[in-house]
Amino acid sequence: QVHIVESGGGLVQPGGSLTLSCVASGINFDRAAISWFRQNPTNKRELVAVIGRSGGTNYGDFVEGRFTISRDSAKKTVLLQMTSLKPEDTGVYYCNVMTDMDDYWGQGTQVIVSS
């Protein structure tokens, strides 16, 4: 059975940092491309960052060098390190795991950037 679990969200002041974690079990982790998406009440779900099977990465234009995505095969975990956070980064952050067979979503973790 596939389980995708996100954690690490919370309340942070503008300019602060957070690290989100996505743990994926029940899949062939090394053959999966893993992405972080986010959604807030006024916007559609948008891509934040993606890391491919070989470790190649891509980011949404709004990231502007502030976030870093990484993967650890031994822990079956993908991290999203976020720095210089802005109020507009507020939203629910979702982990998406795409395998050869299907794609899977976690339940999301809430990030609030506010003073």
N, C-alpha and C. Protein backbone atom coordinates (compact mmCIF):
# COMPACT_ATOMS: atom_id res chain seq x y z
N GLN A 1 0.85 -1.19 0.00
CA GLN A 1 0.00 0.00 0.00
C GLN A 1 0.89 1.25 0.00
N VAL A 2 0.49 2.22 -0.81
CA VAL A 2 1.28 3.44 -0.94
C VAL A 2 0.88 4.44 0.15
N HIS A 3 1.90 5.01 0.77
CA HIS A 3 1.68 6.07 1.76
C HIS A 3 2.59 7.23 1.42
N ILE A 4 2.00 8.42 1.32
CA ILE A 4 2.75 9.64 1.10
C ILE A 4 2.42 10.57 2.28
N VAL A 5 3.44 10.93 3.05
CA VAL A 5 3.20 11.71 4.27
C VAL A 5 4.10 12.93 4.26
N GLU A 6 3.46 14.10 4.30
CA GLU A 6 4.19 15.36 4.39
C GLU A 6 4.23 15.85 5.83
N SER A 7 5.27 16.59 6.14
CA SER A 7 5.38 17.22 7.46
C SER A 7 6.29 18.43 7.35
N GLY A 8 6.32 19.22 8.43
CA GLY A 8 7.25 20.34 8.49
C GLY A 8 6.62 21.71 8.31
N GLY A 9 5.34 21.75 7.98
CA GLY A 9 4.70 23.04 7.82
C GLY A 9 4.51 23.74 9.16
N GLY A 10 4.09 25.00 9.09
CA GLY A 10 3.86 25.75 10.31
C GLY A 10 3.76 27.23 10.03
N LEU A 11 3.81 27.99 11.09
CA LEU A 11 3.75 29.44 11.02
C LEU A 11 5.16 30.01 11.11
N VAL A 12 5.51 30.88 10.19
CA VAL A 12 6.84 31.47 10.18
C VAL A 12 6.72 32.94 9.78
N GLN A 13 7.61 33.75 10.28
CA GLN A 13 7.60 35.17 9.93
C GLN A 13 8.21 35.39 8.56
N PRO A 14 7.83 36.46 7.88
CA PRO A 14 8.48 36.78 6.59
C PRO A 14 10.00 36.85 6.75
N GLY A 15 10.68 36.27 5.76
CA GLY A 15 12.13 36.18 5.82
C GLY A 15 12.64 34.93 6.50
N GLY A 16 11.76 34.18 7.12
CA GLY A 16 12.15 32.97 7.83
C GLY A 16 12.31 31.77 6.93
N SER A 17 12.56 30.62 7.56
CA SER A 17 12.83 29.38 6.82
C SER A 17 12.00 28.23 7.37
N LEU A 18 11.71 27.29 6.50
CA LEU A 18 11.07 26.03 6.87
C LEU A 18 11.62 24.93 5.99
N THR A 19 11.64 23.72 6.52
CA THR A 19 11.98 22.55 5.71
C THR A 19 10.82 21.57 5.75
N LEU A 20 10.28 21.29 4.58
CA LEU A 20 9.19 20.32 4.45
C LEU A 20 9.78 18.95 4.11
N SER A 21 9.11 17.93 4.61
CA SER A 21 9.55 16.56 4.38
C SER A 21 8.42 15.75 3.77
N CYS A 22 8.76 14.92 2.80
CA CYS A 22 7.81 13.99 2.18
C CYS A 22 8.41 12.60 2.27
N VAL A 23 7.73 11.71 2.98
CA VAL A 23 8.16 10.33 3.09
C VAL A 23 7.22 9.46 2.26
N ALA A 24 7.80 8.69 1.36
CA ALA A 24 7.00 7.86 0.45
C ALA A 24 7.31 6.38 0.69
N SER A 25 6.29 5.59 0.97
CA SER A 25 6.48 4.16 1.16
C SER A 25 5.53 3.39 0.26
N GLY A 26 5.87 2.14 0.01
CA GLY A 26 5.03 1.31 -0.84
C GLY A 26 5.25 1.49 -2.32
N ILE A 27 6.32 2.20 -2.69
CA ILE A 27 6.64 2.42 -4.10
C ILE A 27 8.11 2.13 -4.33
N ASN A 28 8.49 2.05 -5.60
CA ASN A 28 9.91 1.96 -5.94
C ASN A 28 10.44 3.40 -5.95
N PHE A 29 10.97 3.82 -4.83
CA PHE A 29 11.33 5.22 -4.64
C PHE A 29 12.34 5.68 -5.70
N ASP A 30 13.30 4.84 -6.03
CA ASP A 30 14.36 5.25 -6.95
C ASP A 30 13.86 5.46 -8.38
N ARG A 31 12.70 4.94 -8.69
CA ARG A 31 12.14 5.11 -10.03
C ARG A 31 11.05 6.18 -10.07
N ALA A 32 10.94 6.93 -9.00
CA ALA A 32 9.87 7.94 -8.92
C ALA A 32 10.42 9.35 -9.10
N ALA A 33 9.67 10.15 -9.83
CA ALA A 33 9.89 11.60 -9.84
C ALA A 33 8.99 12.19 -8.78
N ILE A 34 9.53 13.09 -7.99
CA ILE A 34 8.78 13.60 -6.83
C ILE A 34 8.73 15.12 -6.89
N SER A 35 7.55 15.64 -6.67
CA SER A 35 7.32 17.08 -6.79
C SER A 35 6.64 17.63 -5.54
N TRP A 36 6.84 18.90 -5.35
CA TRP A 36 6.07 19.67 -4.38
C TRP A 36 5.19 20.65 -5.15
N PHE A 37 3.92 20.66 -4.81
CA PHE A 37 2.97 21.63 -5.33
C PHE A 37 2.44 22.44 -4.15
N ARG A 38 1.83 23.57 -4.45
CA ARG A 38 1.18 24.32 -3.39
C ARG A 38 -0.13 24.90 -3.91
N GLN A 39 -1.00 25.17 -2.96
CA GLN A 39 -2.30 25.75 -3.31
C GLN A 39 -2.76 26.67 -2.20
N ASN A 40 -3.27 27.84 -2.57
CA ASN A 40 -3.92 28.70 -1.60
C ASN A 40 -5.32 29.01 -2.11
N PRO A 41 -6.17 29.61 -1.29
CA PRO A 41 -7.58 29.75 -1.68
C PRO A 41 -7.81 30.54 -2.96
N THR A 42 -6.86 31.39 -3.35
CA THR A 42 -7.11 32.23 -4.52
C THR A 42 -6.44 31.73 -5.79
N ASN A 43 -5.55 30.74 -5.64
CA ASN A 43 -4.81 30.27 -6.81
C ASN A 43 -5.02 28.79 -7.05
N LYS A 44 -4.84 28.40 -8.28
CA LYS A 44 -4.87 26.98 -8.58
C LYS A 44 -3.60 26.34 -8.04
N ARG A 45 -3.59 25.03 -8.00
CA ARG A 45 -2.43 24.31 -7.52
C ARG A 45 -1.27 24.57 -8.49
N GLU A 46 -0.10 24.93 -7.96
CA GLU A 46 1.04 25.24 -8.82
C GLU A 46 2.27 24.46 -8.39
N LEU A 47 3.11 24.19 -9.38
CA LEU A 47 4.34 23.45 -9.13
C LEU A 47 5.34 24.33 -8.40
N VAL A 48 5.90 23.81 -7.31
CA VAL A 48 6.95 24.50 -6.57
C VAL A 48 8.32 23.99 -7.02
N ALA A 49 8.47 22.67 -6.99
CA ALA A 49 9.76 22.07 -7.34
C ALA A 49 9.56 20.61 -7.68
N VAL A 50 10.45 20.09 -8.52
CA VAL A 50 10.42 18.67 -8.88
C VAL A 50 11.85 18.15 -8.90
N ILE A 51 11.99 16.90 -8.47
CA ILE A 51 13.29 16.22 -8.55
C ILE A 51 13.09 14.89 -9.25
N GLY A 52 13.86 14.67 -10.28
CA GLY A 52 13.72 13.46 -11.08
C GLY A 52 14.46 12.27 -10.48
N ARG A 53 14.38 11.14 -11.20
CA ARG A 53 14.99 9.91 -10.70
C ARG A 53 16.49 10.06 -10.53
N SER A 54 17.12 10.81 -11.44
CA SER A 54 18.57 10.95 -11.40
C SER A 54 19.02 12.15 -10.59
N GLY A 55 18.05 12.87 -9.99
CA GLY A 55 18.40 14.01 -9.15
C GLY A 55 18.31 15.36 -9.82
N GLY A 56 17.95 15.38 -11.11
CA GLY A 56 17.76 16.65 -11.76
C GLY A 56 16.58 17.41 -11.16
N THR A 57 16.70 18.73 -11.10
CA THR A 57 15.67 19.52 -10.42
C THR A 57 15.13 20.62 -11.32
N ASN A 58 13.92 21.05 -10.98
CA ASN A 58 13.32 22.20 -11.67
C ASN A 58 12.42 22.90 -10.66
N TYR A 59 12.27 24.22 -10.83
CA TYR A 59 11.53 25.02 -9.85
C TYR A 59 10.56 25.96 -10.55
N GLY A 60 9.50 26.32 -9.82
CA GLY A 60 8.61 27.35 -10.31
C GLY A 60 9.33 28.67 -10.40
N ASP A 61 8.92 29.53 -11.34
CA ASP A 61 9.59 30.82 -11.54
C ASP A 61 9.62 31.67 -10.28
N PHE A 62 8.58 31.54 -9.46
CA PHE A 62 8.47 32.38 -8.27
C PHE A 62 9.49 31.99 -7.20
N VAL A 63 10.12 30.84 -7.33
CA VAL A 63 11.07 30.39 -6.30
C VAL A 63 12.28 31.31 -6.25
N GLU A 64 12.80 31.67 -7.40
CA GLU A 64 13.89 32.66 -7.49
C GLU A 64 15.08 32.31 -6.58
N GLY A 65 15.43 31.02 -6.56
CA GLY A 65 16.62 30.60 -5.83
C GLY A 65 16.44 30.46 -4.33
N ARG A 66 15.22 30.59 -3.82
CA ARG A 66 15.02 30.56 -2.38
C ARG A 66 14.82 29.15 -1.82
N PHE A 67 14.41 28.21 -2.67
CA PHE A 67 14.08 26.85 -2.22
C PHE A 67 15.05 25.85 -2.81
N THR A 68 15.24 24.73 -2.10
CA THR A 68 16.06 23.64 -2.60
C THR A 68 15.35 22.33 -2.34
N ILE A 69 15.19 21.52 -3.40
CA ILE A 69 14.61 20.20 -3.26
C ILE A 69 15.72 19.16 -3.31
N SER A 70 15.60 18.13 -2.47
CA SER A 70 16.61 17.07 -2.44
C SER A 70 15.94 15.75 -2.09
N ARG A 71 16.63 14.65 -2.40
CA ARG A 71 16.05 13.35 -2.11
C ARG A 71 17.08 12.45 -1.44
N ASP A 72 16.58 11.57 -0.57
CA ASP A 72 17.42 10.61 0.15
C ASP A 72 16.79 9.24 -0.06
N SER A 73 17.42 8.43 -0.91
CA SER A 73 16.84 7.12 -1.25
C SER A 73 16.79 6.20 -0.04
N ALA A 74 17.80 6.25 0.81
CA ALA A 74 17.83 5.35 1.97
C ALA A 74 16.65 5.61 2.89
N LYS A 75 16.26 6.87 3.02
CA LYS A 75 15.15 7.23 3.90
C LYS A 75 13.84 7.37 3.15
N LYS A 76 13.87 7.19 1.82
CA LYS A 76 12.68 7.35 0.99
C LYS A 76 12.01 8.71 1.28
N THR A 77 12.83 9.72 1.31
CA THR A 77 12.38 11.05 1.72
C THR A 77 12.83 12.11 0.72
N VAL A 78 11.94 13.06 0.50
CA VAL A 78 12.29 14.25 -0.27
C VAL A 78 12.09 15.46 0.62
N LEU A 79 13.07 16.33 0.64
CA LEU A 79 13.01 17.54 1.44
C LEU A 79 12.83 18.76 0.54
N LEU A 80 12.11 19.74 1.05
CA LEU A 80 12.01 21.04 0.40
C LEU A 80 12.46 22.07 1.42
N GLN A 81 13.65 22.58 1.24
CA GLN A 81 14.19 23.60 2.13
C GLN A 81 13.80 24.96 1.58
N MET A 82 13.10 25.73 2.39
CA MET A 82 12.57 27.02 1.95
C MET A 82 13.18 28.13 2.81
N THR A 83 13.74 29.12 2.17
CA THR A 83 14.31 30.26 2.87
C THR A 83 13.70 31.55 2.33
N SER A 84 13.98 32.64 3.01
CA SER A 84 13.49 33.97 2.60
C SER A 84 12.00 33.92 2.27
N LEU A 85 11.24 33.30 3.14
CA LEU A 85 9.81 33.11 2.87
C LEU A 85 9.06 34.43 2.85
N LYS A 86 8.06 34.49 1.97
CA LYS A 86 7.24 35.68 1.78
C LYS A 86 5.78 35.35 2.13
N PRO A 87 4.99 36.34 2.46
CA PRO A 87 3.57 36.07 2.73
C PRO A 87 2.87 35.34 1.60
N GLU A 88 3.27 35.62 0.37
CA GLU A 88 2.63 34.95 -0.76
C GLU A 88 3.02 33.48 -0.90
N ASP A 89 3.96 33.02 -0.09
CA ASP A 89 4.28 31.59 -0.06
C ASP A 89 3.29 30.81 0.81
N THR A 90 2.40 31.50 1.45
CA THR A 90 1.38 30.85 2.28
C THR A 90 0.51 29.92 1.44
N GLY A 91 0.24 28.74 1.97
CA GLY A 91 -0.61 27.79 1.27
C GLY A 91 -0.45 26.39 1.83
N VAL A 92 -1.16 25.46 1.25
CA VAL A 92 -0.99 24.05 1.58
C VAL A 92 -0.03 23.45 0.57
N TYR A 93 0.99 22.81 1.07
CA TYR A 93 2.03 22.22 0.23
C TYR A 93 1.81 20.71 0.15
N TYR A 94 1.76 20.22 -1.08
CA TYR A 94 1.47 18.82 -1.34
C TYR A 94 2.66 18.14 -2.00
N CYS A 95 2.89 16.91 -1.61
CA CYS A 95 3.90 16.09 -2.25
C CYS A 95 3.23 15.19 -3.28
N ASN A 96 3.79 15.14 -4.46
CA ASN A 96 3.30 14.27 -5.53
C ASN A 96 4.40 13.31 -5.94
N VAL A 97 4.05 12.04 -5.99
CA VAL A 97 5.02 11.00 -6.37
C VAL A 97 4.54 10.36 -7.66
N MET A 98 5.34 10.45 -8.69
CA MET A 98 4.97 9.87 -9.99
C MET A 98 5.87 8.69 -10.29
N THR A 99 5.25 7.53 -10.43
CA THR A 99 5.99 6.32 -10.77
C THR A 99 5.67 5.92 -12.20
N ASP A 100 6.21 4.78 -12.64
CA ASP A 100 5.90 4.28 -13.98
C ASP A 100 4.43 3.91 -14.11
N MET A 101 3.81 3.59 -12.98
CA MET A 101 2.45 3.06 -13.01
C MET A 101 1.39 4.10 -12.71
N ASP A 102 1.69 5.04 -11.85
CA ASP A 102 0.64 5.93 -11.37
C ASP A 102 1.27 7.14 -10.70
N ASP A 103 0.43 8.08 -10.25
CA ASP A 103 0.94 9.14 -9.41
C ASP A 103 0.07 9.25 -8.16
N TYR A 104 0.71 9.69 -7.09
CA TYR A 104 0.09 9.68 -5.77
C TYR A 104 0.30 11.02 -5.09
N TRP A 105 -0.68 11.39 -4.27
CA TRP A 105 -0.65 12.66 -3.54
C TRP A 105 -0.71 12.41 -2.04
N GLY A 106 -0.01 13.26 -1.31
CA GLY A 106 -0.17 13.27 0.14
C GLY A 106 -1.32 14.17 0.54
N GLN A 107 -1.53 14.29 1.84
CA GLN A 107 -2.63 15.08 2.38
C GLN A 107 -2.29 16.56 2.48
N GLY A 108 -1.03 16.90 2.40
CA GLY A 108 -0.63 18.29 2.44
C GLY A 108 -0.19 18.74 3.83
N THR A 109 0.63 19.78 3.82
CA THR A 109 1.06 20.40 5.08
C THR A 109 0.93 21.91 4.92
N GLN A 110 0.38 22.56 5.92
CA GLN A 110 0.05 23.98 5.84
C GLN A 110 1.28 24.83 6.16
N VAL A 111 1.52 25.82 5.31
CA VAL A 111 2.57 26.81 5.56
C VAL A 111 1.91 28.19 5.63
N ILE A 112 2.17 28.90 6.71
CA ILE A 112 1.65 30.25 6.87
C ILE A 112 2.82 31.19 7.13
N VAL A 113 2.95 32.17 6.25
CA VAL A 113 4.01 33.16 6.41
C VAL A 113 3.36 34.48 6.78
N SER A 114 3.56 34.87 8.02
CA SER A 114 2.87 36.05 8.53
C SER A 114 3.61 36.61 9.73
N SER A 115 3.54 37.92 9.86
CA SER A 115 4.12 38.56 11.04
C SER A 115 3.06 38.72 12.14
